[in-house]
């Protein structure tokens, strides 16, 4: 771990390693799982921290922390009508998620954007930008957000099920909840 002011960032070697399968899964979390199925799938690595209702919409969220770690979220899971539809990975302490070997978590955003642009171009995926200038891809169901760690900014991927992929980079018309588009400093 290293510190940036009061923010602690997990070393790359200490991160849990997960692979992303676009539109299907993020590590052991498979899109479409119920909250209980997701909790069971990650019980040895993550534990529930908080769960919030949909506030008038069918979308609920659950923050998960690393087992035995400080009480701070490592992953935020979003459920649509009770089924896992979106996973946002904390840049400071979340698992390292890779896409065909491309590391997505805790990186300098400009360096990741260059690598992601090359990846999408080489592999025939679309490249889009949110209204906040976050790169992403509907065909991959992925938006590369940024998260503060003091004066440093690191990558925070938001991965969605294929049912949420259309317009996933659109802040106003996509399915990703508004709270996920806010700047993160934790």
C-alpha atoms as a PDB file:
ATOM      1  CA  UNK A   1       0.000   0.000   0.000  1.00  0.00           C
ATOM      2  CA  UNK A   2       1.063   3.548  -0.576  1.00  0.00           C
ATOM      3  CA  UNK A   3      -0.404   6.791   0.703  1.00  0.00           C
ATOM      4  CA  UNK A   4      -1.412   9.908  -1.142  1.00  0.00           C
ATOM      5  CA  UNK A   5      -2.206  12.307   1.664  1.00  0.00           C
ATOM      6  CA  UNK A   6      -4.903  10.571   3.716  1.00  0.00           C
ATOM      7  CA  UNK A   7      -5.786   8.209   0.868  1.00  0.00           C
ATOM      8  CA  UNK A   8      -4.318   4.708   0.906  1.00  0.00           C
ATOM      9  CA  UNK A   9      -3.847   2.991  -2.446  1.00  0.00           C
ATOM     10  CA  UNK A  10      -3.370  -0.779  -2.647  1.00  0.00           C
ATOM     11  CA  UNK A  11      -0.201  -1.916  -4.418  1.00  0.00           C
ATOM     12  CA  UNK A  12      -0.754  -3.683  -7.718  1.00  0.00           C
ATOM     13  CA  UNK A  13       0.772  -6.915  -6.362  1.00  0.00           C
ATOM     14  CA  UNK A  14      -1.693  -6.919  -3.445  1.00  0.00           C
ATOM     15  CA  UNK A  15      -4.839  -6.535  -5.538  1.00  0.00           C
ATOM     16  CA  UNK A  16      -7.211  -9.439  -6.100  1.00  0.00           C
ATOM     17  CA  UNK A  17      -6.999 -10.366  -9.820  1.00  0.00           C
ATOM     18  CA  UNK A  18     -10.207 -10.533 -11.883  1.00  0.00           C
ATOM     19  CA  UNK A  19     -10.809 -10.953 -15.616  1.00  0.00           C
ATOM     20  CA  UNK A  20     -13.605  -9.145 -17.443  1.00  0.00           C
ATOM     21  CA  UNK A  21     -15.747 -10.953 -20.008  1.00  0.00           C
ATOM     22  CA  UNK A  22     -17.603  -8.137 -21.811  1.00  0.00           C
ATOM     23  CA  UNK A  23     -21.310  -8.088 -21.017  1.00  0.00           C
ATOM     24  CA  UNK A  24     -21.040 -11.371 -19.085  1.00  0.00           C
ATOM     25  CA  UNK A  25     -18.927 -11.117 -15.944  1.00  0.00           C
ATOM     26  CA  UNK A  26     -16.348  -9.333 -13.831  1.00  0.00           C
ATOM     27  CA  UNK A  27     -14.281 -11.917 -11.983  1.00  0.00           C
ATOM     28  CA  UNK A  28     -16.668 -14.182 -10.071  1.00  0.00           C
ATOM     29  CA  UNK A  29     -19.557 -11.714 -10.502  1.00  0.00           C
ATOM     30  CA  UNK A  30     -21.794 -12.756 -13.386  1.00  0.00           C
ATOM     31  CA  UNK A  31     -24.271 -10.233 -14.726  1.00  0.00           C
ATOM     32  CA  UNK A  32     -27.818 -11.380 -14.004  1.00  0.00           C
ATOM     33  CA  UNK A  33     -26.961 -12.841 -10.585  1.00  0.00           C
ATOM     34  CA  UNK A  34     -29.211 -12.061  -7.645  1.00  0.00           C
ATOM     35  CA  UNK A  35     -27.733 -10.155  -4.696  1.00  0.00           C
ATOM     36  CA  UNK A  36     -27.488 -13.411  -2.701  1.00  0.00           C
ATOM     37  CA  UNK A  37     -25.769 -15.250  -5.570  1.00  0.00           C
ATOM     38  CA  UNK A  38     -23.288 -12.401  -5.994  1.00  0.00           C
ATOM     39  CA  UNK A  39     -22.584 -12.277  -2.241  1.00  0.00           C
ATOM     40  CA  UNK A  40     -21.899 -16.032  -2.225  1.00  0.00           C
ATOM     41  CA  UNK A  41     -19.626 -15.788  -5.291  1.00  0.00           C
ATOM     42  CA  UNK A  42     -17.340 -13.211  -3.673  1.00  0.00           C
ATOM     43  CA  UNK A  43     -17.674 -14.180   0.020  1.00  0.00           C
ATOM     44  CA  UNK A  44     -13.999 -15.173   0.345  1.00  0.00           C
ATOM     45  CA  UNK A  45     -12.782 -11.832  -1.087  1.00  0.00           C
ATOM     46  CA  UNK A  46     -15.431  -9.147  -0.495  1.00  0.00           C
ATOM     47  CA  UNK A  47     -18.086  -8.572   2.130  1.00  0.00           C
ATOM     48  CA  UNK A  48     -21.202  -6.367   2.052  1.00  0.00           C
ATOM     49  CA  UNK A  49     -20.678  -2.885   3.447  1.00  0.00           C
ATOM     50  CA  UNK A  50     -23.925  -1.065   2.628  1.00  0.00           C
ATOM     51  CA  UNK A  51     -26.992  -1.684   0.514  1.00  0.00           C
ATOM     52  CA  UNK A  52     -29.287   1.033  -0.783  1.00  0.00           C
ATOM     53  CA  UNK A  53     -32.730   0.763  -2.301  1.00  0.00           C
ATOM     54  CA  UNK A  54     -33.753   2.067  -5.660  1.00  0.00           C
ATOM     55  CA  UNK A  55     -35.382   5.290  -4.443  1.00  0.00           C
ATOM     56  CA  UNK A  56     -38.341   4.938  -6.793  1.00  0.00           C
ATOM     57  CA  UNK A  57     -36.466   3.052  -9.510  1.00  0.00           C
ATOM     58  CA  UNK A  58     -35.737  -0.672  -9.760  1.00  0.00           C
ATOM     59  CA  UNK A  59     -31.978  -0.030  -9.389  1.00  0.00           C
ATOM     60  CA  UNK A  60     -30.399  -0.911  -6.030  1.00  0.00           C
ATOM     61  CA  UNK A  61     -26.737  -0.680  -5.093  1.00  0.00           C
ATOM     62  CA  UNK A  62     -24.456  -2.545  -2.741  1.00  0.00           C
ATOM     63  CA  UNK A  63     -20.980  -1.480  -1.664  1.00  0.00           C
ATOM     64  CA  UNK A  64     -18.521  -4.273  -0.935  1.00  0.00           C
ATOM     65  CA  UNK A  65     -15.264  -4.055   1.012  1.00  0.00           C
ATOM     66  CA  UNK A  66     -12.259  -6.352   0.969  1.00  0.00           C
ATOM     67  CA  UNK A  67     -12.488  -9.054   3.620  1.00  0.00           C
ATOM     68  CA  UNK A  68     -10.402  -7.988   6.614  1.00  0.00           C
ATOM     69  CA  UNK A  69      -9.759  -4.513   5.202  1.00  0.00           C
ATOM     70  CA  UNK A  70     -10.776  -1.110   6.458  1.00  0.00           C
ATOM     71  CA  UNK A  71     -14.412  -0.200   6.142  1.00  0.00           C
ATOM     72  CA  UNK A  72     -14.283   1.373   2.701  1.00  0.00           C
ATOM     73  CA  UNK A  73     -15.768   0.193  -0.580  1.00  0.00           C
ATOM     74  CA  UNK A  74     -13.670  -1.818  -3.045  1.00  0.00           C
ATOM     75  CA  UNK A  75     -16.551  -2.531  -5.448  1.00  0.00           C
ATOM     76  CA  UNK A  76     -20.016  -1.067  -5.959  1.00  0.00           C
ATOM     77  CA  UNK A  77     -22.568  -3.444  -7.473  1.00  0.00           C
ATOM     78  CA  UNK A  78     -25.789  -2.191  -9.062  1.00  0.00           C
ATOM     79  CA  UNK A  79     -28.844  -4.407  -9.403  1.00  0.00           C
ATOM     80  CA  UNK A  80     -31.683  -3.794 -11.849  1.00  0.00           C
ATOM     81  CA  UNK A  81     -34.913  -5.507 -10.789  1.00  0.00           C
ATOM     82  CA  UNK A  82     -32.876  -7.651  -8.404  1.00  0.00           C
ATOM     83  CA  UNK A  83     -30.265  -8.774 -10.979  1.00  0.00           C
ATOM     84  CA  UNK A  84     -26.617  -7.660 -11.181  1.00  0.00           C
ATOM     85  CA  UNK A  85     -26.339  -5.155 -14.030  1.00  0.00           C
ATOM     86  CA  UNK A  86     -23.275  -3.015 -13.262  1.00  0.00           C
ATOM     87  CA  UNK A  87     -20.004  -3.245 -11.335  1.00  0.00           C
ATOM     88  CA  UNK A  88     -17.835  -0.211 -10.511  1.00  0.00           C
ATOM     89  CA  UNK A  89     -14.355  -0.977  -9.172  1.00  0.00           C
ATOM     90  CA  UNK A  90     -12.730   1.405  -6.692  1.00  0.00           C
ATOM     91  CA  UNK A  91      -9.461   2.780  -8.074  1.00  0.00           C
ATOM     92  CA  UNK A  92      -7.746   2.873  -4.686  1.00  0.00           C
ATOM     93  CA  UNK A  93      -8.564  -0.533  -3.213  1.00  0.00           C
ATOM     94  CA  UNK A  94     -10.571  -2.584  -5.692  1.00  0.00           C
ATOM     95  CA  UNK A  95      -9.579  -5.780  -7.468  1.00  0.00           C
ATOM     96  CA  UNK A  96      -7.438  -5.459 -10.591  1.00  0.00           C
ATOM     97  CA  UNK A  97      -9.726  -6.135 -13.534  1.00  0.00           C
ATOM     98  CA  UNK A  98      -8.124  -7.048 -16.839  1.00  0.00           C
ATOM     99  CA  UNK A  99      -9.516  -7.193 -20.354  1.00  0.00           C
ATOM    100  CA  UNK A 100      -7.356  -9.487 -22.507  1.00  0.00           C
ATOM    101  CA  UNK A 101      -4.376  -8.523 -20.328  1.00  0.00           C
ATOM    102  CA  UNK A 102      -5.157  -4.782 -20.301  1.00  0.00           C
ATOM    103  CA  UNK A 103      -5.177  -3.612 -16.660  1.00  0.00           C
ATOM    104  CA  UNK A 104      -8.179  -1.330 -16.032  1.00  0.00           C
ATOM    105  CA  UNK A 105      -7.957  -0.377 -12.326  1.00  0.00           C
ATOM    106  CA  UNK A 106      -5.777   2.173 -10.536  1.00  0.00           C
ATOM    107  CA  UNK A 107      -3.922   3.460 -13.590  1.00  0.00           C
ATOM    108  CA  UNK A 108      -3.087   6.944 -14.770  1.00  0.00           C
ATOM    109  CA  UNK A 109      -6.172   7.752 -16.894  1.00  0.00           C
ATOM    110  CA  UNK A 110      -4.281   9.241 -19.855  1.00  0.00           C
ATOM    111  CA  UNK A 111      -2.007   6.182 -20.130  1.00  0.00           C
ATOM    112  CA  UNK A 112      -4.967   3.808 -19.897  1.00  0.00           C
ATOM    113  CA  UNK A 113      -6.878   5.856 -22.469  1.00  0.00           C
ATOM    114  CA  UNK A 114      -4.009   5.470 -24.955  1.00  0.00           C
ATOM    115  CA  UNK A 115      -3.863   1.704 -24.384  1.00  0.00           C
ATOM    116  CA  UNK A 116      -7.667   1.415 -24.508  1.00  0.00           C
ATOM    117  CA  UNK A 117      -7.844   3.384 -27.763  1.00  0.00           C
ATOM    118  CA  UNK A 118      -5.294   1.004 -29.283  1.00  0.00           C
ATOM    119  CA  UNK A 119      -7.192  -2.021 -27.921  1.00  0.00           C
ATOM    120  CA  UNK A 120     -10.568  -0.915 -29.320  1.00  0.00           C
ATOM    121  CA  UNK A 121      -9.078  -0.031 -32.700  1.00  0.00           C
ATOM    122  CA  UNK A 122      -7.128  -3.292 -32.996  1.00  0.00           C
ATOM    123  CA  UNK A 123     -10.040  -5.488 -31.891  1.00  0.00           C
ATOM    124  CA  UNK A 124     -12.890  -3.826 -33.796  1.00  0.00           C
ATOM    125  CA  UNK A 125     -14.712  -2.269 -30.837  1.00  0.00           C
ATOM    126  CA  UNK A 126     -16.354   1.126 -30.780  1.00  0.00           C
ATOM    127  CA  UNK A 127     -14.736   3.967 -28.828  1.00  0.00           C
ATOM    128  CA  UNK A 128     -17.042   6.541 -27.297  1.00  0.00           C
ATOM    129  CA  UNK A 129     -16.713   9.352 -24.787  1.00  0.00           C
ATOM    130  CA  UNK A 130     -19.087  10.395 -22.045  1.00  0.00           C
ATOM    131  CA  UNK A 131     -20.098  14.003 -21.551  1.00  0.00           C
ATOM    132  CA  UNK A 132     -17.368  14.029 -18.854  1.00  0.00           C
ATOM    133  CA  UNK A 133     -14.742  12.910 -21.429  1.00  0.00           C
ATOM    134  CA  UNK A 134     -14.531   9.354 -20.045  1.00  0.00           C
ATOM    135  CA  UNK A 135     -13.551   6.819 -22.729  1.00  0.00           C
ATOM    136  CA  UNK A 136     -15.692   3.737 -23.097  1.00  0.00           C
ATOM    137  CA  UNK A 137     -17.215   1.215 -25.433  1.00  0.00           C
ATOM    138  CA  UNK A 138     -20.775  -0.007 -25.880  1.00  0.00           C
ATOM    139  CA  UNK A 139     -19.600  -3.271 -27.450  1.00  0.00           C
ATOM    140  CA  UNK A 140     -17.474  -3.936 -24.366  1.00  0.00           C
ATOM    141  CA  UNK A 141     -19.984  -2.516 -21.851  1.00  0.00           C
ATOM    142  CA  UNK A 142     -17.235  -0.471 -20.241  1.00  0.00           C
ATOM    143  CA  UNK A 143     -16.644   3.132 -19.171  1.00  0.00           C
ATOM    144  CA  UNK A 144     -13.267   4.205 -17.801  1.00  0.00           C
ATOM    145  CA  UNK A 145     -14.018   6.745 -15.086  1.00  0.00           C
ATOM    146  CA  UNK A 146     -11.459   8.550 -12.937  1.00  0.00           C
ATOM    147  CA  UNK A 147     -11.268   8.726  -9.158  1.00  0.00           C
ATOM    148  CA  UNK A 148      -9.276  11.079  -6.947  1.00  0.00           C
ATOM    149  CA  UNK A 149      -6.641   9.926  -4.499  1.00  0.00           C
ATOM    150  CA  UNK A 150      -5.603  13.269  -3.081  1.00  0.00           C
ATOM    151  CA  UNK A 151      -3.815  15.124  -5.868  1.00  0.00           C
ATOM    152  CA  UNK A 152      -3.540  11.949  -7.952  1.00  0.00           C
ATOM    153  CA  UNK A 153      -6.237  10.650 -10.287  1.00  0.00           C
ATOM    154  CA  UNK A 154      -6.571   6.920 -11.009  1.00  0.00           C
ATOM    155  CA  UNK A 155      -8.788   4.825 -13.295  1.00  0.00           C
ATOM    156  CA  UNK A 156     -12.104   3.456 -11.971  1.00  0.00           C
ATOM    157  CA  UNK A 157     -13.787   1.148 -14.507  1.00  0.00           C
ATOM    158  CA  UNK A 158     -17.548   0.822 -14.645  1.00  0.00           C
ATOM    159  CA  UNK A 159     -18.588  -2.445 -16.307  1.00  0.00           C
ATOM    160  CA  UNK A 160     -22.137  -3.230 -17.383  1.00  0.00           C
ATOM    161  CA  UNK A 161     -24.262  -6.161 -18.505  1.00  0.00           C
ATOM    162  CA  UNK A 162     -25.119  -6.352 -22.189  1.00  0.00           C
ATOM    163  CA  UNK A 163     -28.637  -5.125 -21.297  1.00  0.00           C
ATOM    164  CA  UNK A 164     -27.102  -1.837 -20.058  1.00  0.00           C
ATOM    165  CA  UNK A 165     -24.406  -1.493 -22.739  1.00  0.00           C
ATOM    166  CA  UNK A 166     -26.355   0.683 -25.163  1.00  0.00           C
ATOM    167  CA  UNK A 167     -25.498   4.303 -24.375  1.00  0.00           C
ATOM    168  CA  UNK A 168     -23.407   3.241 -21.375  1.00  0.00           C
ATOM    169  CA  UNK A 169     -21.171   6.276 -21.993  1.00  0.00           C
ATOM    170  CA  UNK A 170     -24.130   8.648 -22.034  1.00  0.00           C
ATOM    171  CA  UNK A 171     -24.492  10.439 -18.708  1.00  0.00           C
ATOM    172  CA  UNK A 172     -28.115  11.419 -19.327  1.00  0.00           C
ATOM    173  CA  UNK A 173     -29.597   8.571 -21.394  1.00  0.00           C
ATOM    174  CA  UNK A 174     -27.599   5.508 -20.318  1.00  0.00           C
ATOM    175  CA  UNK A 175     -28.558   3.119 -17.527  1.00  0.00           C
ATOM    176  CA  UNK A 176     -25.560   3.762 -15.254  1.00  0.00           C
ATOM    177  CA  UNK A 177     -26.959   5.436 -12.109  1.00  0.00           C
ATOM    178  CA  UNK A 178     -26.333   9.172 -11.663  1.00  0.00           C
ATOM    179  CA  UNK A 179     -24.343   8.598  -8.465  1.00  0.00           C
ATOM    180  CA  UNK A 180     -21.695   6.757 -10.474  1.00  0.00           C
ATOM    181  CA  UNK A 181     -21.071   9.829 -12.642  1.00  0.00           C
ATOM    182  CA  UNK A 182     -20.201  11.986  -9.632  1.00  0.00           C
ATOM    183  CA  UNK A 183     -16.561  12.603  -8.826  1.00  0.00           C
ATOM    184  CA  UNK A 184     -15.204  10.008  -6.421  1.00  0.00           C
ATOM    185  CA  UNK A 185     -12.734  10.897  -3.696  1.00  0.00           C
ATOM    186  CA  UNK A 186     -12.780   7.762  -1.580  1.00  0.00           C
END
